[in-house]
Protein backbone atom coordinates (compact mmCIF):
# COMPACT_ATOMS: atom_id res chain seq x y z
CA MET A 1 -97.90 -26.25 -5.74
CA ASN A 2 -101.35 -26.56 -6.65
CA LYS A 3 -103.66 -27.50 -4.35
CA LYS A 4 -106.37 -30.05 -5.51
CA TYR A 5 -109.21 -31.84 -4.00
CA LYS A 6 -109.98 -35.90 -3.88
CA CYS A 7 -112.83 -37.57 -2.94
CA GLY A 8 -112.52 -40.68 -0.86
CA ASP A 9 -115.25 -42.67 -1.75
CA CYS A 10 -115.42 -42.41 -5.84
CA SER A 11 -111.80 -40.69 -6.53
CA TRP A 12 -113.29 -37.55 -8.08
CA GLN A 13 -110.35 -35.18 -8.30
CA GLY A 14 -110.95 -31.27 -8.92
CA LYS A 15 -110.10 -27.98 -7.82
CA GLU A 16 -111.89 -25.88 -5.07
CA ASP A 17 -114.36 -23.82 -6.69
CA GLU A 18 -116.03 -27.09 -8.25
CA LEU A 19 -116.64 -28.66 -4.61
CA GLU A 20 -120.29 -28.46 -3.05
CA TYR A 21 -120.57 -27.10 0.50
CA ASP A 22 -123.08 -28.38 3.14
CA VAL A 23 -123.69 -25.50 5.81
CA THR A 24 -123.72 -26.92 9.30
CA GLU A 25 -124.45 -25.22 12.75
CA THR A 26 -122.31 -25.69 15.61
CA CYS A 27 -121.69 -24.23 19.08
CA PHE A 28 -119.51 -21.77 17.50
CA GLY A 29 -121.44 -20.90 14.72
CA SER A 30 -121.79 -22.32 11.14
CA ASP A 31 -119.30 -24.52 9.15
CA ASN A 32 -119.01 -25.16 5.25
CA ILE A 33 -118.63 -28.86 4.98
CA GLU A 34 -117.12 -30.01 1.53
CA ILE A 35 -119.03 -32.20 -0.44
CA CYS A 36 -117.93 -34.37 -3.69
CA PRO A 37 -119.78 -33.08 -6.72
CA LYS A 38 -120.00 -36.40 -8.43
CA CYS A 39 -121.25 -38.94 -6.11
CA GLY A 40 -121.95 -36.05 -2.98
CA GLY A 41 -119.44 -37.86 -0.34
CA TYR A 42 -118.04 -35.93 2.50
CA TYR A 43 -114.70 -37.84 2.41
CA ILE A 44 -112.65 -35.15 0.79
CA LYS A 45 -108.83 -34.94 1.12
CA VAL A 46 -106.33 -31.92 -0.25
CA THR A 47 -103.57 -33.38 -2.22
CA PHE A 48 -100.72 -30.94 -3.52
CA GLU A 49 -99.39 -31.14 -6.89
CA SER A 50 -96.03 -29.62 -7.78
CA GLU A 51 -96.74 -27.13 -10.85
CA ASN A 52 -93.66 -28.27 -13.17
CA ASN A 53 -95.90 -31.84 -13.40
């Protein structure tokens, strides 16, 4: 299965290496938040597609 990412705001779809990241400080250290490279939205969903498609 191939892992793809989809923006819930603008319907952009792509691979993980196409995403942008925002580093946020938390009480446990820092965390990378995925950002849509097209619209800058934070609503990123992970989808899985069969390799046979």
